[in-house]
């Protein structure tokens, strides 16, 4: 392999490593209080965070009495079942990188500590928007993430009965976007239904999907209207319902796109180190 091309590839791999590290975050679980038994606190702590692929969780604790046990299912998490762990960490200072989207469940194998609250579930949305590696290829633009209700989240008693209607009307949703629902799963749930008639009459008998995890990501995969309500009596009447109009992707393509600083650097490396034929 030509030495100049090898230098180019090594330089490019270094650039992408630095970009990945720049866009990823390490979060200390429980912050100053660390990883220890405290009822309900980790659920509230995780609700205030937004995790993406590439982020890391740092667990700090007394390794003589505790560990970090990653389990595969919500059932194992709920019943503090550590018999078939996905992974076990026990150094007292563990960093766990979140390598895939979805739910990740962590408990301590110390059962008495786990049942009083030393357990954590985090929801990982998707990758950080890191530029794709060469060769250049045509890709769809990254979708936007919309946190439903913003700071109000998906609550049983919104400030106004038409709060979520106004919230939706102020936004423009397109295919590829995501809706992030955060709520107290002990109080509320999330149902998706089929039609405007079901939406207006609060008909929960034939839902498209039922969610009750407390954190849900809904992908908008096609244009049309999506309807979301709660099955809890009285909460729908108080305004806990959402209608979302999903627009198709724009077909217009900009004639000329301005390169980002990172893309300019990659182009410079390519132009500088790619060998050119001699005439």
Protein backbone atom coordinates (compact mmCIF):
# COMPACT_ATOMS: atom_id res chain seq x y z
CA UNK A 1 0.00 0.00 0.00
CA UNK A 2 1.32 3.46 -0.89
CA UNK A 3 2.86 5.11 2.20
CA UNK A 4 1.01 8.38 1.60
CA UNK A 5 -2.33 6.61 1.45
CA UNK A 6 -1.49 4.73 4.66
CA UNK A 7 -0.72 8.05 6.39
CA UNK A 8 -4.06 9.38 5.15
CA UNK A 9 -5.99 6.40 6.57
CA UNK A 10 -4.24 6.63 9.95
CA UNK A 11 -4.91 10.36 10.14
CA UNK A 12 -8.55 9.84 9.23
CA UNK A 13 -9.04 7.16 11.88
CA UNK A 14 -7.57 9.51 14.49
CA UNK A 15 -9.94 12.31 13.42
CA UNK A 16 -13.02 10.07 13.78
CA UNK A 17 -11.86 8.77 17.15
CA UNK A 18 -11.54 12.33 18.43
CA UNK A 19 -14.97 13.26 17.03
CA UNK A 20 -16.57 10.24 18.72
CA UNK A 21 -14.98 11.06 22.07
CA UNK A 22 -16.00 14.71 21.72
CA UNK A 23 -19.66 13.85 21.20
CA UNK A 24 -19.90 11.21 23.96
CA UNK A 25 -20.42 11.85 27.67
CA UNK A 26 -19.63 10.06 30.91
CA UNK A 27 -22.30 10.46 33.59
CA UNK A 28 -21.67 9.67 37.27
CA UNK A 29 -24.60 7.55 38.50
CA UNK A 30 -26.24 9.21 41.50
CA UNK A 31 -23.72 12.04 41.14
CA UNK A 32 -22.13 12.91 44.52
CA UNK A 33 -24.11 10.20 46.36
CA UNK A 34 -22.77 7.42 44.12
CA UNK A 35 -24.20 3.89 43.74
CA UNK A 36 -25.91 2.88 46.97
CA UNK A 37 -29.35 1.91 48.28
CA UNK A 38 -31.88 4.74 48.20
CA UNK A 39 -35.54 4.13 47.47
CA UNK A 40 -36.82 5.53 44.17
CA UNK A 41 -34.01 8.02 43.73
CA UNK A 42 -32.37 6.41 40.69
CA UNK A 43 -35.68 6.37 38.80
CA UNK A 44 -36.05 10.12 39.32
CA UNK A 45 -32.35 10.67 38.55
CA UNK A 46 -32.55 8.82 35.22
CA UNK A 47 -35.73 10.68 34.17
CA UNK A 48 -33.76 13.93 34.21
CA UNK A 49 -31.10 12.54 31.87
CA UNK A 50 -31.03 11.86 28.15
CA UNK A 51 -28.64 9.10 27.09
CA UNK A 52 -27.37 8.27 23.62
CA UNK A 53 -25.23 5.51 22.14
CA UNK A 54 -21.58 6.12 23.03
CA UNK A 55 -22.32 7.67 26.43
CA UNK A 56 -20.96 5.97 29.56
CA UNK A 57 -22.25 5.41 33.09
CA UNK A 58 -19.72 5.67 35.93
CA UNK A 59 -20.61 3.66 39.06
CA UNK A 60 -18.76 4.47 42.29
CA UNK A 61 -19.45 2.35 45.39
CA UNK A 62 -17.98 0.18 48.15
CA UNK A 63 -16.87 -3.00 46.36
CA UNK A 64 -16.87 -4.96 49.62
CA UNK A 65 -20.66 -4.88 49.96
CA UNK A 66 -21.97 -4.07 46.47
CA UNK A 67 -21.45 -4.56 42.77
CA UNK A 68 -23.04 -3.53 39.47
CA UNK A 69 -25.02 -6.33 37.82
CA UNK A 70 -26.46 -5.71 34.38
CA UNK A 71 -29.54 -7.83 33.64
CA UNK A 72 -31.37 -8.43 30.38
CA UNK A 73 -35.06 -7.93 31.16
CA UNK A 74 -37.44 -5.64 33.01
CA UNK A 75 -38.73 -8.67 34.96
CA UNK A 76 -35.24 -9.43 36.34
CA UNK A 77 -34.89 -5.75 37.17
CA UNK A 78 -38.24 -5.53 38.98
CA UNK A 79 -37.66 -8.66 41.10
CA UNK A 80 -33.92 -8.07 41.70
CA UNK A 81 -33.06 -11.36 40.00
CA UNK A 82 -29.28 -11.57 39.47
CA UNK A 83 -29.08 -15.31 38.69
CA UNK A 84 -28.41 -14.86 34.94
CA UNK A 85 -26.60 -11.55 34.59
CA UNK A 86 -25.65 -9.99 31.29
CA UNK A 87 -22.50 -8.58 32.93
CA UNK A 88 -21.10 -8.09 36.44
CA UNK A 89 -18.78 -5.30 37.57
CA UNK A 90 -17.19 -5.26 41.04
CA UNK A 91 -14.18 -2.94 41.11
CA UNK A 92 -15.92 -0.16 43.06
CA UNK A 93 -15.23 2.24 40.18
CA UNK A 94 -16.79 0.94 36.97
CA UNK A 95 -17.42 2.70 33.67
CA UNK A 96 -20.08 1.05 31.47
CA UNK A 97 -20.39 2.28 27.90
CA UNK A 98 -23.88 2.26 26.37
CA UNK A 99 -23.24 0.63 23.00
CA UNK A 100 -26.78 0.14 21.68
CA UNK A 101 -30.16 1.91 21.82
CA UNK A 102 -33.01 0.71 24.03
CA UNK A 103 -33.44 -0.05 27.72
CA UNK A 104 -30.47 -0.99 29.93
CA UNK A 105 -31.11 -2.51 33.37
CA UNK A 106 -28.68 -2.39 36.31
CA UNK A 107 -29.09 -3.79 39.84
CA UNK A 108 -26.86 -4.86 42.71
CA UNK A 109 -26.57 -8.59 43.41
CA UNK A 110 -26.91 -7.70 47.11
CA UNK A 111 -30.63 -8.55 47.19
CA UNK A 112 -31.46 -6.62 50.37
CA UNK A 113 -29.88 -3.48 48.91
CA UNK A 114 -31.63 -3.94 45.57
CA UNK A 115 -35.15 -4.28 46.99
CA UNK A 116 -34.80 -0.97 48.85
CA UNK A 117 -33.92 0.89 45.67
CA UNK A 118 -30.39 0.21 44.45
CA UNK A 119 -31.31 -0.41 40.84
CA UNK A 120 -31.32 1.66 37.69
CA UNK A 121 -32.96 1.56 34.28
CA UNK A 122 -31.80 3.96 31.55
CA UNK A 123 -33.23 4.54 28.10
CA UNK A 124 -30.75 5.13 25.28
CA UNK A 125 -32.26 7.05 22.38
CA UNK A 126 -29.85 6.71 19.44
CA UNK A 127 -26.34 7.56 18.23
CA UNK A 128 -24.84 10.99 18.61
CA UNK A 129 -24.91 12.82 15.25
CA UNK A 130 -21.33 11.90 14.24
CA UNK A 131 -20.46 12.50 10.56
CA UNK A 132 -20.46 9.21 8.60
CA UNK A 133 -17.09 7.75 7.55
CA UNK A 134 -15.97 7.80 3.92
CA UNK A 135 -16.62 6.87 1.21
CA UNK A 136 -19.32 9.54 0.78
CA UNK A 137 -22.79 8.13 0.29
CA UNK A 138 -26.31 9.45 0.07
CA UNK A 139 -28.09 9.31 3.43
CA UNK A 140 -31.32 10.67 4.86
CA UNK A 141 -30.99 13.63 7.22
CA UNK A 142 -30.99 12.89 10.95
CA UNK A 143 -34.48 13.07 12.44
CA UNK A 144 -35.26 15.39 15.31
CA UNK A 145 -36.08 14.25 18.84
CA UNK A 146 -39.16 15.90 20.37
CA UNK A 147 -39.62 15.56 24.14
CA UNK A 148 -43.41 15.50 24.42
CA UNK A 149 -44.63 18.39 26.56
CA UNK A 150 -41.06 19.67 26.94
CA UNK A 151 -40.47 20.34 30.66
CA UNK A 152 -44.10 19.41 31.45
CA UNK A 153 -43.52 15.89 30.03
CA UNK A 154 -46.50 13.48 29.73
CA UNK A 155 -48.39 14.35 32.93
CA UNK A 156 -51.83 13.36 34.12
CA UNK A 157 -52.90 16.97 34.83
CA UNK A 158 -51.49 19.44 32.29
CA UNK A 159 -51.65 23.13 33.03
CA UNK A 160 -54.44 23.57 30.45
CA UNK A 161 -56.76 20.97 28.91
CA UNK A 162 -55.53 21.89 25.41
CA UNK A 163 -51.85 22.02 26.47
CA UNK A 164 -50.71 19.10 24.26
CA UNK A 165 -52.82 20.30 21.34
CA UNK A 166 -51.06 23.68 21.43
CA UNK A 167 -47.69 21.99 21.93
CA UNK A 168 -48.19 19.86 18.80
CA UNK A 169 -49.47 22.74 16.66
CA UNK A 170 -46.32 24.73 17.40
CA UNK A 171 -44.11 21.96 15.99
CA UNK A 172 -43.46 20.52 12.55
CA UNK A 173 -43.00 16.76 12.55
CA UNK A 174 -41.49 14.85 9.64
CA UNK A 175 -40.81 11.23 8.75
CA UNK A 176 -37.69 10.15 10.64
CA UNK A 177 -38.39 12.26 13.74
CA UNK A 178 -38.84 10.72 17.20
CA UNK A 179 -41.29 11.42 20.02
CA UNK A 180 -39.89 10.93 23.54
CA UNK A 181 -42.51 10.33 26.23
CA UNK A 182 -41.49 10.62 29.90
CA UNK A 183 -44.05 9.89 32.66
CA UNK A 184 -44.62 8.20 35.99
CA UNK A 185 -45.44 4.59 35.10
CA UNK A 186 -47.14 4.13 38.49
CA UNK A 187 -49.71 6.80 37.57
CA UNK A 188 -50.02 6.96 33.78
CA UNK A 189 -49.48 4.99 30.60
CA UNK A 190 -49.36 5.65 26.85
CA UNK A 191 -51.70 4.23 24.21
CA UNK A 192 -51.56 4.77 20.47
CA UNK A 193 -54.93 4.51 18.72
CA UNK A 194 -56.09 4.37 15.11
CA UNK A 195 -58.56 7.11 14.30
CA UNK A 196 -59.83 10.59 14.99
CA UNK A 197 -63.15 9.08 16.17
CA UNK A 198 -61.38 6.98 18.82
CA UNK A 199 -59.34 10.02 19.80
CA UNK A 200 -62.40 12.23 20.31
CA UNK A 201 -64.36 9.56 22.21
CA UNK A 202 -61.38 8.29 24.25
CA UNK A 203 -61.93 4.75 22.95
CA UNK A 204 -59.18 2.54 24.39
CA UNK A 205 -60.68 -0.83 23.38
CA UNK A 206 -58.52 -1.43 20.25
CA UNK A 207 -55.17 0.35 20.65
CA UNK A 208 -52.40 0.06 18.07
CA UNK A 209 -49.85 -0.16 20.88
CA UNK A 210 -49.73 0.05 24.68
CA UNK A 211 -46.70 1.42 26.53
CA UNK A 212 -46.18 1.58 30.30
CA UNK A 213 -42.41 1.69 30.83
CA UNK A 214 -42.25 5.33 31.97
CA UNK A 215 -39.92 6.21 29.07
CA UNK A 216 -40.88 5.52 25.46
CA UNK A 217 -39.44 6.47 22.10
CA UNK A 218 -41.94 6.51 19.22
CA UNK A 219 -40.48 6.69 15.73
CA UNK A 220 -42.45 8.54 13.06
CA UNK A 221 -41.88 6.24 10.09
CA UNK A 222 -44.49 7.43 7.59
CA UNK A 223 -46.59 10.52 6.83
CA UNK A 224 -50.06 10.83 8.31
CA UNK A 225 -51.73 11.49 11.67
CA UNK A 226 -50.75 9.71 14.90
CA UNK A 227 -52.98 9.66 17.98
CA UNK A 228 -51.83 9.14 21.58
CA UNK A 229 -53.91 9.01 24.78
CA UNK A 230 -53.86 7.55 28.29
CA UNK A 231 -56.13 4.76 29.51
CA UNK A 232 -56.38 6.27 33.01
CA UNK A 233 -59.90 7.45 33.85
CA UNK A 234 -60.10 11.20 34.28
CA UNK A 235 -56.64 11.89 32.90
CA UNK A 236 -57.81 11.98 29.27
CA UNK A 237 -60.58 14.43 30.20
CA UNK A 238 -57.98 16.61 31.90
CA UNK A 239 -56.11 16.87 28.60
CA UNK A 240 -53.63 13.98 28.49
CA UNK A 241 -53.98 13.34 24.76
CA UNK A 242 -51.86 14.17 21.73
CA UNK A 243 -52.51 14.40 17.99
CA UNK A 244 -49.44 14.61 15.74
CA UNK A 245 -49.41 15.43 12.02
CA UNK A 246 -46.40 13.80 10.35
CA UNK A 247 -45.21 15.41 7.12
CA UNK A 248 -43.21 13.59 4.44
CA UNK A 249 -39.51 14.24 4.00
CA UNK A 250 -38.74 17.29 1.90
CA UNK A 251 -37.79 16.37 -1.67
CA UNK A 252 -35.86 19.55 -2.24
CA UNK A 253 -32.09 19.15 -2.18
CA UNK A 254 -29.88 22.19 -1.63
CA UNK A 255 -27.74 23.00 -4.67
CA UNK A 256 -24.62 23.54 -2.60
CA UNK A 257 -23.94 22.53 0.98
CA UNK A 258 -21.37 24.36 3.06
CA UNK A 259 -18.80 21.97 4.52
CA UNK A 260 -18.45 21.75 8.29
CA UNK A 261 -14.99 22.29 9.84
CA UNK A 262 -14.67 18.51 10.28
CA UNK A 263 -15.57 17.84 6.62
CA UNK A 264 -13.07 20.50 5.50
CA UNK A 265 -10.34 18.77 7.52
CA UNK A 266 -11.19 15.38 6.02
CA UNK A 267 -11.17 16.87 2.50
CA UNK A 268 -7.78 18.48 3.16
CA UNK A 269 -6.33 15.18 4.42
CA UNK A 270 -7.69 13.39 1.38
CA UNK A 271 -6.36 15.98 -1.10
CA UNK A 272 -2.98 16.17 0.66
CA UNK A 273 -2.21 12.47 1.05
CA UNK A 274 -3.99 10.77 -1.85
CA UNK A 275 -1.32 9.96 -4.49
CA UNK A 276 -1.79 11.52 -7.92
CA UNK A 277 -0.56 9.86 -11.13
CA UNK A 278 2.59 11.32 -12.71
CA UNK A 279 2.45 12.37 -16.33
